[in-house]
Amino acid sequence: MHKMENMKKKEPLIRIEKRSERTHNQIMRLRLLSVILAIVAGGLFILFIGYNPFSVYGTIVSGAFRSTMAFQATIKLMVPLLIPALGITLAFKMRFWNIGAEGQIIMGAIFATYFALFCWDFPHWLLMICMFLAGMLGGALWGLIPAFFKAKFNTNETLFTLMLNYIALYLISFLRDGPWQDPNSSGFPKIAKFGEAAQLDKIFGVHAGWLIGLILVVIVYIYLKYTKQGYEISVVGESRATANYAGMNYKKIVLRTMAFSGGICGIAGMVQASGSDLTLTTSVAGGVGFTAIIVAWLAQLNPVGILVVSFLFAVLEKGSTVMQSAHGLSAYSADVLQGIILFFVLGCEFFVRYKFVTRKKGGKA
């Protein structure tokens, strides 16, 4: 009996323990080390499959900047990562786990598409304003649904927002195969291409979504750092009890923040539909809502950091595409390489906050 009790008291062989707060310099050194390890591990993978790591890495970097057209393509890839990551940041700062950026992007695109299809005779500037506001409204409404149930019934927002993604996706399929089907689709159901008035203007060869993204970076940064509402978001994120004690209206803050968060993601849907796709398709979000979560976390929920990280992601994505064609690598190899790099970079964030502790010989709890 005593022997069993002693066994129960023993510590596990390895356990995870929260470490004391690291200094800024220690965190920066750890992140730099993670990037170096990611490059080395990726290089070993490239070497293992029979290619020169230096040549492949050189192609990835040069592929994103080798020409004006290549750089424009890189910026075009950055925009759909940047805008949703900014939206997610607002919710995550409040510890509201908004996994529904995909659905909010889609709903923004759907609402904007209505004006593109049925108000095509509006003046270009008026149609763009209507589509922009409609996109924001669509995303905001889709964000308010889980916010309402969280505030009212304390539901699990992670599952709620995730499930709403699929509803939004199937809504596009319904519209494509039904009321919005292009009559000239020749048996292959699709939604008609937007007219010129409904297409986002280009600035320096890239649709104006990049400018919208930059403006949103400034707005979100100021909102979080210098406004009362931004301060309330931080307090709610730290402790709901503290927020209530300070007289803050928790329900109001959750609803307002998720409307703003979803609205920004909805803008991303409008930009993608009118700037890149020039129509509404089931791939309008294309998984960027989930990738944007990684971008936001890597940037430590800092809007300026999000701008930098989303650009680096776009460089990696564009460079990997060039790498495939230049070296004859398969798309799967490029995806594995990206996965290795992200594994090490994301793994770094674990060791910033936690550490592994091994049991001492004969150690007890």
Protein backbone atom coordinates (compact mmCIF):
# COMPACT_ATOMS: atom_id res chain seq x y z
CA MET A 1 0.00 0.00 0.00
CA HIS A 2 2.78 2.39 1.00
CA LYS A 3 4.71 1.40 -2.10
CA MET A 4 1.76 2.35 -4.35
CA GLU A 5 1.40 5.68 -2.55
CA ASN A 6 5.09 6.42 -3.06
CA MET A 7 4.78 5.65 -6.78
CA LYS A 8 1.87 8.06 -7.04
CA LYS A 9 3.89 10.79 -5.34
CA LYS A 10 6.74 10.52 -7.82
CA GLU A 11 7.07 13.24 -10.40
CA PRO A 12 6.54 12.38 -14.08
CA LEU A 13 9.75 11.70 -16.00
CA ILE A 14 9.31 14.88 -18.06
CA ARG A 15 6.91 17.70 -17.36
CA ILE A 16 6.19 21.11 -18.86
CA GLU A 17 6.65 24.07 -16.56
CA LYS A 18 5.92 27.77 -17.06
CA ARG A 19 9.20 29.64 -16.96
CA SER A 20 9.84 33.00 -15.36
CA GLU A 21 9.43 35.92 -17.74
CA ARG A 22 12.31 36.30 -20.19
CA THR A 23 13.89 39.63 -21.02
CA HIS A 24 13.33 41.23 -24.42
CA ASN A 25 16.92 40.42 -25.47
CA GLN A 26 16.56 36.77 -24.47
CA ILE A 27 13.36 36.46 -26.51
CA MET A 28 14.99 38.07 -29.55
CA ARG A 29 18.00 35.73 -29.30
CA LEU A 30 15.71 32.71 -29.03
CA ARG A 31 13.72 33.80 -32.09
CA LEU A 32 16.90 34.41 -34.06
CA LEU A 33 18.11 30.93 -33.09
CA SER A 34 14.80 29.42 -34.23
CA VAL A 35 15.16 31.08 -37.65
CA ILE A 36 18.72 29.75 -37.99
CA LEU A 37 17.62 26.25 -36.99
CA ALA A 38 14.70 26.43 -39.44
CA ILE A 39 17.05 27.37 -42.29
CA VAL A 40 19.50 24.60 -41.35
CA ALA A 41 16.76 21.94 -41.03
CA GLY A 42 15.22 23.04 -44.32
CA GLY A 43 18.66 22.92 -45.93
CA LEU A 44 19.16 19.35 -44.72
CA PHE A 45 15.81 18.37 -46.22
CA ILE A 46 16.77 19.94 -49.56
CA LEU A 47 20.14 18.16 -49.46
CA PHE A 48 18.43 14.87 -48.62
CA ILE A 49 16.22 15.03 -51.73
CA GLY A 50 19.26 15.72 -53.90
CA TYR A 51 19.43 19.50 -54.40
CA ASN A 52 21.84 22.26 -53.45
CA PRO A 53 20.39 24.11 -50.42
CA PHE A 54 22.20 27.38 -51.23
CA SER A 55 20.88 27.36 -54.78
CA VAL A 56 17.31 26.58 -53.69
CA TYR A 57 17.27 29.21 -50.93
CA GLY A 58 18.74 31.73 -53.34
CA THR A 59 15.95 30.99 -55.79
CA ILE A 60 13.30 31.45 -53.08
CA VAL A 61 14.61 34.90 -52.14
CA SER A 62 15.33 36.09 -55.68
CA GLY A 63 12.04 34.63 -56.95
CA ALA A 64 10.04 37.12 -54.91
CA PHE A 65 12.07 40.15 -56.08
CA ARG A 66 13.61 39.22 -59.43
CA SER A 67 11.35 41.53 -61.45
CA THR A 68 8.67 44.16 -61.03
CA MET A 69 6.03 41.58 -61.91
CA ALA A 70 7.39 39.12 -59.35
CA PHE A 71 7.39 41.76 -56.61
CA GLN A 72 3.83 42.75 -57.50
CA ALA A 73 2.80 39.09 -57.21
CA THR A 74 4.45 38.94 -53.78
CA ILE A 75 2.48 41.99 -52.60
CA LYS A 76 -0.68 40.44 -54.04
CA LEU A 77 -0.07 37.34 -51.89
CA MET A 78 0.59 39.46 -48.82
CA VAL A 79 -2.72 41.38 -48.85
CA PRO A 80 -5.10 38.46 -48.04
CA LEU A 81 -2.83 37.48 -45.12
CA LEU A 82 -2.36 40.98 -43.74
CA ILE A 83 -5.98 42.14 -43.50
CA PRO A 84 -7.53 39.05 -41.78
CA ALA A 85 -4.56 38.86 -39.37
CA LEU A 86 -5.35 42.41 -38.26
CA GLY A 87 -8.99 41.42 -37.70
CA ILE A 88 -8.05 38.30 -35.73
CA THR A 89 -5.69 40.35 -33.56
CA LEU A 90 -8.57 42.40 -32.11
CA ALA A 91 -10.41 39.27 -30.99
CA PHE A 92 -7.31 37.46 -29.73
CA LYS A 93 -6.26 40.49 -27.65
CA MET A 94 -9.56 39.99 -25.83
CA ARG A 95 -8.88 36.24 -25.48
CA PHE A 96 -11.83 35.56 -27.77
CA TRP A 97 -10.55 32.75 -29.98
CA ASN A 98 -11.93 33.78 -33.36
CA ILE A 99 -11.21 30.81 -35.65
CA GLY A 100 -13.90 32.05 -38.04
CA ALA A 101 -11.91 34.44 -40.21
CA GLU A 102 -12.52 32.15 -43.20
CA GLY A 103 -16.28 32.49 -42.85
CA GLN A 104 -16.08 36.22 -42.20
CA ILE A 105 -13.94 36.68 -45.33
CA ILE A 106 -16.48 34.69 -47.34
CA MET A 107 -19.46 36.63 -46.01
CA GLY A 108 -17.71 39.90 -46.79
CA ALA A 109 -17.16 38.69 -50.34
CA ILE A 110 -20.81 37.56 -50.66
CA PHE A 111 -22.22 40.88 -49.46
CA ALA A 112 -19.88 42.82 -51.77
CA THR A 113 -20.72 40.54 -54.71
CA TYR A 114 -24.41 41.40 -54.42
CA PHE A 115 -23.64 45.01 -55.37
CA ALA A 116 -21.17 43.91 -58.07
CA LEU A 117 -23.83 41.76 -59.76
CA PHE A 118 -26.98 43.80 -59.27
CA CYS A 119 -25.76 47.41 -59.04
CA TRP A 120 -23.23 47.25 -61.87
CA ASP A 121 -24.62 50.46 -63.40
CA PHE A 122 -23.60 52.57 -60.37
CA PRO A 123 -20.73 55.03 -60.90
CA HIS A 124 -17.41 53.29 -60.18
CA TRP A 125 -16.59 55.32 -57.06
CA LEU A 126 -20.08 54.81 -55.58
CA LEU A 127 -20.08 51.09 -56.36
CA MET A 128 -16.66 50.67 -54.70
CA ILE A 129 -17.89 52.44 -51.56
CA CYS A 130 -21.03 50.27 -51.47
CA MET A 131 -19.02 47.08 -51.94
CA PHE A 132 -16.52 48.12 -49.26
CA LEU A 133 -19.23 48.89 -46.70
CA ALA A 134 -21.19 45.77 -47.64
CA GLY A 135 -18.09 43.60 -47.23
CA MET A 136 -17.44 45.10 -43.82
CA LEU A 137 -21.09 44.59 -42.83
CA GLY A 138 -21.10 40.95 -43.96
CA GLY A 139 -18.00 40.10 -41.96
CA ALA A 140 -19.25 42.04 -38.93
CA LEU A 141 -22.59 40.22 -38.86
CA TRP A 142 -20.82 36.85 -39.12
CA GLY A 143 -18.57 37.86 -36.23
CA LEU A 144 -21.48 39.10 -34.10
CA ILE A 145 -23.24 35.70 -34.15
CA PRO A 146 -20.68 33.84 -32.00
CA ALA A 147 -20.08 37.01 -29.95
CA PHE A 148 -23.76 37.19 -29.02
CA PHE A 149 -23.90 33.55 -27.91
CA LYS A 150 -20.61 33.90 -26.01
CA ALA A 151 -21.85 36.99 -24.17
CA LYS A 152 -25.33 35.60 -23.55
CA PHE A 153 -24.75 31.88 -22.94
CA ASN A 154 -20.95 31.61 -22.54
CA THR A 155 -20.69 29.20 -25.50
CA ASN A 156 -17.37 27.89 -26.81
CA GLU A 157 -16.34 30.49 -29.40
CA THR A 158 -13.65 28.28 -30.93
CA LEU A 159 -16.11 25.62 -32.10
CA PHE A 160 -18.83 28.16 -32.90
CA THR A 161 -16.65 30.28 -35.20
CA LEU A 162 -15.14 27.18 -36.81
CA MET A 163 -18.54 25.73 -37.71
CA LEU A 164 -19.70 29.05 -39.17
CA ASN A 165 -16.88 28.78 -41.72
CA TYR A 166 -18.56 25.79 -43.36
CA ILE A 167 -21.98 27.41 -43.41
CA ALA A 168 -20.52 30.43 -45.23
CA LEU A 169 -18.67 28.19 -47.69
CA TYR A 170 -21.78 26.20 -48.58
CA LEU A 171 -23.72 29.42 -48.97
CA ILE A 172 -21.42 30.32 -51.89
CA SER A 173 -22.14 26.91 -53.45
CA PHE A 174 -25.88 27.52 -53.09
CA LEU A 175 -25.64 30.96 -54.74
CA ARG A 176 -23.35 29.67 -57.51
CA ASP A 177 -25.61 26.76 -58.37
CA GLY A 178 -28.85 28.67 -57.86
CA PRO A 179 -29.91 32.33 -57.78
CA TRP A 180 -26.56 33.85 -58.81
CA GLN A 181 -25.56 31.30 -61.45
CA ASP A 182 -24.19 32.87 -64.60
CA PRO A 183 -26.66 32.07 -67.44
CA ASN A 184 -23.68 31.91 -69.82
CA SER A 185 -21.85 29.31 -67.77
CA SER A 186 -22.38 26.60 -70.44
CA GLY A 187 -23.34 23.83 -68.04
CA PHE A 188 -20.51 24.53 -65.59
CA PRO A 189 -22.06 26.53 -62.73
CA LYS A 190 -20.24 29.72 -61.81
CA ILE A 191 -20.92 33.31 -60.86
CA ALA A 192 -20.41 35.90 -63.58
CA LYS A 193 -17.22 37.94 -63.74
CA PHE A 194 -17.50 41.40 -62.24
CA GLY A 195 -17.86 44.34 -64.61
CA GLU A 196 -15.14 46.99 -64.78
CA ALA A 197 -17.02 49.30 -62.42
CA ALA A 198 -16.91 46.59 -59.72
CA GLN A 199 -13.17 45.90 -60.05
CA LEU A 200 -10.77 47.39 -57.53
CA ASP A 201 -8.44 50.00 -59.00
CA LYS A 202 -4.74 49.22 -59.42
CA ILE A 203 -2.01 51.28 -57.79
CA PHE A 204 1.55 50.66 -59.03
CA GLY A 205 0.37 47.56 -60.86
CA VAL A 206 -1.30 45.90 -57.86
CA HIS A 207 -4.93 46.22 -56.81
CA ALA A 208 -5.55 48.85 -54.13
CA GLY A 209 -5.97 46.18 -51.44
CA TRP A 210 -2.36 46.75 -50.35
CA LEU A 211 -3.15 50.41 -49.64
CA ILE A 212 -6.28 49.42 -47.72
CA GLY A 213 -4.14 46.99 -45.73
CA LEU A 214 -1.58 49.67 -44.82
CA ILE A 215 -4.33 52.05 -43.71
CA LEU A 216 -5.85 49.30 -41.56
CA VAL A 217 -2.45 48.66 -39.93
CA VAL A 218 -2.38 52.29 -38.78
CA ILE A 219 -6.03 52.26 -37.68
CA VAL A 220 -5.73 49.02 -35.67
CA TYR A 221 -2.45 50.14 -34.08
CA ILE A 222 -3.95 53.45 -32.93
CA TYR A 223 -7.20 51.77 -31.85
CA LEU A 224 -5.43 49.23 -29.63
CA LYS A 225 -2.78 51.54 -28.21
CA TYR A 226 -4.41 54.94 -27.81
CA THR A 227 -8.18 54.52 -27.45
CA LYS A 228 -10.40 53.71 -24.49
CA GLN A 229 -11.93 50.80 -26.40
CA GLY A 230 -8.47 49.35 -27.07
CA TYR A 231 -7.64 49.60 -23.36
CA GLU A 232 -10.89 47.81 -22.51
CA ILE A 233 -9.98 45.00 -24.89
CA SER A 234 -6.65 44.55 -23.08
CA VAL A 235 -8.31 44.52 -19.64
CA VAL A 236 -10.92 41.95 -20.70
CA GLY A 237 -8.13 39.84 -22.19
CA GLU A 238 -6.18 39.93 -18.92
CA SER A 239 -9.11 39.22 -16.62
CA ARG A 240 -12.87 39.31 -17.08
CA ALA A 241 -13.27 39.71 -13.31
CA THR A 242 -11.03 42.78 -13.33
CA ALA A 243 -13.03 44.27 -16.18
CA ASN A 244 -16.28 43.75 -14.27
CA TYR A 245 -14.74 45.20 -11.10
CA ALA A 246 -13.67 48.30 -13.05
CA GLY A 247 -17.26 48.78 -14.21
CA MET A 248 -16.67 47.71 -17.83
CA ASN A 249 -19.58 46.20 -19.74
CA TYR A 250 -18.17 42.81 -20.75
CA LYS A 251 -20.99 41.91 -23.14
CA LYS A 252 -20.83 45.24 -24.92
CA ILE A 253 -17.05 44.99 -25.33
CA VAL A 254 -17.28 41.45 -26.75
CA LEU A 255 -19.99 42.41 -29.25
CA ARG A 256 -18.22 45.60 -30.35
CA THR A 257 -14.81 43.98 -30.71
CA MET A 258 -16.09 40.98 -32.66
CA ALA A 259 -18.06 43.25 -34.98
CA PHE A 260 -14.84 45.16 -35.66
CA SER A 261 -12.81 41.95 -35.99
CA GLY A 262 -15.29 40.34 -38.38
CA GLY A 263 -15.70 43.59 -40.30
CA ILE A 264 -11.97 43.78 -41.06
CA CYS A 265 -12.00 40.15 -42.23
CA GLY A 266 -15.03 41.00 -44.38
CA ILE A 267 -13.01 43.78 -46.02
CA ALA A 268 -10.45 41.12 -46.96
CA GLY A 269 -13.22 39.18 -48.73
CA MET A 270 -14.33 42.24 -50.67
CA VAL A 271 -10.71 42.99 -51.67
CA GLN A 272 -10.07 39.42 -52.79
CA ALA A 273 -13.28 39.17 -54.81
CA SER A 274 -12.99 42.56 -56.52
CA GLY A 275 -9.21 42.84 -56.69
CA SER A 276 -7.86 39.36 -57.43
CA ASP A 277 -10.61 36.89 -58.40
CA LEU A 278 -12.93 39.44 -60.09
CA THR A 279 -15.81 37.12 -59.20
CA LEU A 280 -17.08 35.08 -56.26
CA THR A 281 -15.80 31.51 -55.94
CA THR A 282 -15.59 28.91 -53.17
CA SER A 283 -11.84 29.58 -53.02
CA VAL A 284 -12.25 33.28 -52.19
CA ALA A 285 -10.81 32.67 -48.70
CA GLY A 286 -8.52 29.84 -49.78
CA GLY A 287 -7.35 28.95 -46.27
CA VAL A 288 -5.86 32.39 -45.55
CA GLY A 289 -8.18 32.77 -42.55
CA PHE A 290 -6.28 29.95 -40.83
CA THR A 291 -2.84 31.06 -42.00
CA ALA A 292 -3.63 34.55 -40.72
CA ILE A 293 -3.87 33.07 -37.21
CA ILE A 294 -0.23 31.94 -37.48
CA VAL A 295 0.76 35.36 -38.83
CA ALA A 296 -0.97 37.15 -35.93
CA TRP A 297 0.63 34.92 -33.28
CA LEU A 298 4.12 35.14 -34.78
CA ALA A 299 3.76 38.93 -34.74
CA GLN A 300 2.72 38.83 -31.06
CA LEU A 301 -0.59 40.47 -32.02
CA ASN A 302 1.27 43.63 -33.00
CA PRO A 303 -0.19 45.34 -36.13
CA VAL A 304 3.22 46.54 -37.36
CA GLY A 305 4.69 43.09 -36.73
CA ILE A 306 1.79 41.57 -38.68
CA LEU A 307 2.75 43.72 -41.68
CA VAL A 308 6.33 42.38 -41.55
CA VAL A 309 5.40 38.73 -40.95
CA SER A 310 2.71 38.67 -43.65
CA PHE A 311 5.24 40.10 -46.12
CA LEU A 312 7.79 37.40 -45.18
CA PHE A 313 5.08 34.73 -45.60
CA ALA A 314 4.32 36.12 -49.05
CA VAL A 315 8.02 36.06 -49.97
CA LEU A 316 8.23 32.41 -48.90
CA GLU A 317 5.06 31.53 -50.82
CA LYS A 318 6.08 33.32 -54.02
CA GLY A 319 9.66 32.12 -53.79
CA SER A 320 8.54 28.53 -53.31
CA THR A 321 6.47 28.74 -56.50
CA VAL A 322 9.51 29.94 -58.46
CA MET A 323 11.63 27.26 -56.78
CA GLN A 324 9.29 24.55 -58.05
CA SER A 325 9.63 25.61 -61.68
CA ALA A 326 13.34 26.49 -61.53
CA HIS A 327 14.52 23.27 -59.86
CA GLY A 328 11.78 20.87 -60.91
CA LEU A 329 10.67 20.27 -57.33
CA SER A 330 7.15 19.04 -56.72
CA ALA A 331 4.59 21.20 -54.96
CA TYR A 332 4.67 18.70 -52.09
CA SER A 333 8.40 19.26 -51.55
CA ALA A 334 7.83 23.01 -51.42
CA ASP A 335 5.03 22.52 -48.88
CA VAL A 336 7.25 20.28 -46.73
CA LEU A 337 10.00 22.90 -46.79
CA GLN A 338 7.57 25.61 -45.72
CA GLY A 339 6.24 23.31 -42.99
CA ILE A 340 9.75 22.67 -41.61
CA ILE A 341 10.50 26.38 -41.45
CA LEU A 342 7.17 27.17 -39.75
CA PHE A 343 7.63 24.28 -37.30
CA PHE A 344 10.84 25.72 -35.93
CA VAL A 345 9.65 29.33 -35.91
CA LEU A 346 6.38 28.47 -34.16
CA GLY A 347 8.16 26.07 -31.80
CA CYS A 348 10.22 28.99 -30.59
CA GLU A 349 7.10 30.60 -29.11
CA PHE A 350 6.59 27.55 -26.89
CA PHE A 351 10.07 27.86 -25.38
CA VAL A 352 9.58 31.59 -24.80
CA ARG A 353 6.92 30.77 -22.19
CA TYR A 354 7.56 27.16 -21.11
CA LYS A 355 10.37 24.71 -20.42
CA PHE A 356 10.79 20.94 -20.08
CA VAL A 357 11.79 19.72 -16.61
CA THR A 358 13.12 16.21 -16.12
CA ARG A 359 12.63 14.24 -12.92
CA LYS A 360 15.60 13.91 -10.68
CA LYS A 361 16.67 10.42 -9.75
CA GLY A 362 14.28 9.21 -7.06
CA GLY A 363 12.49 12.54 -7.22
CA LYS A 364 9.09 12.97 -5.70
CA ALA A 365 6.36 15.54 -6.22
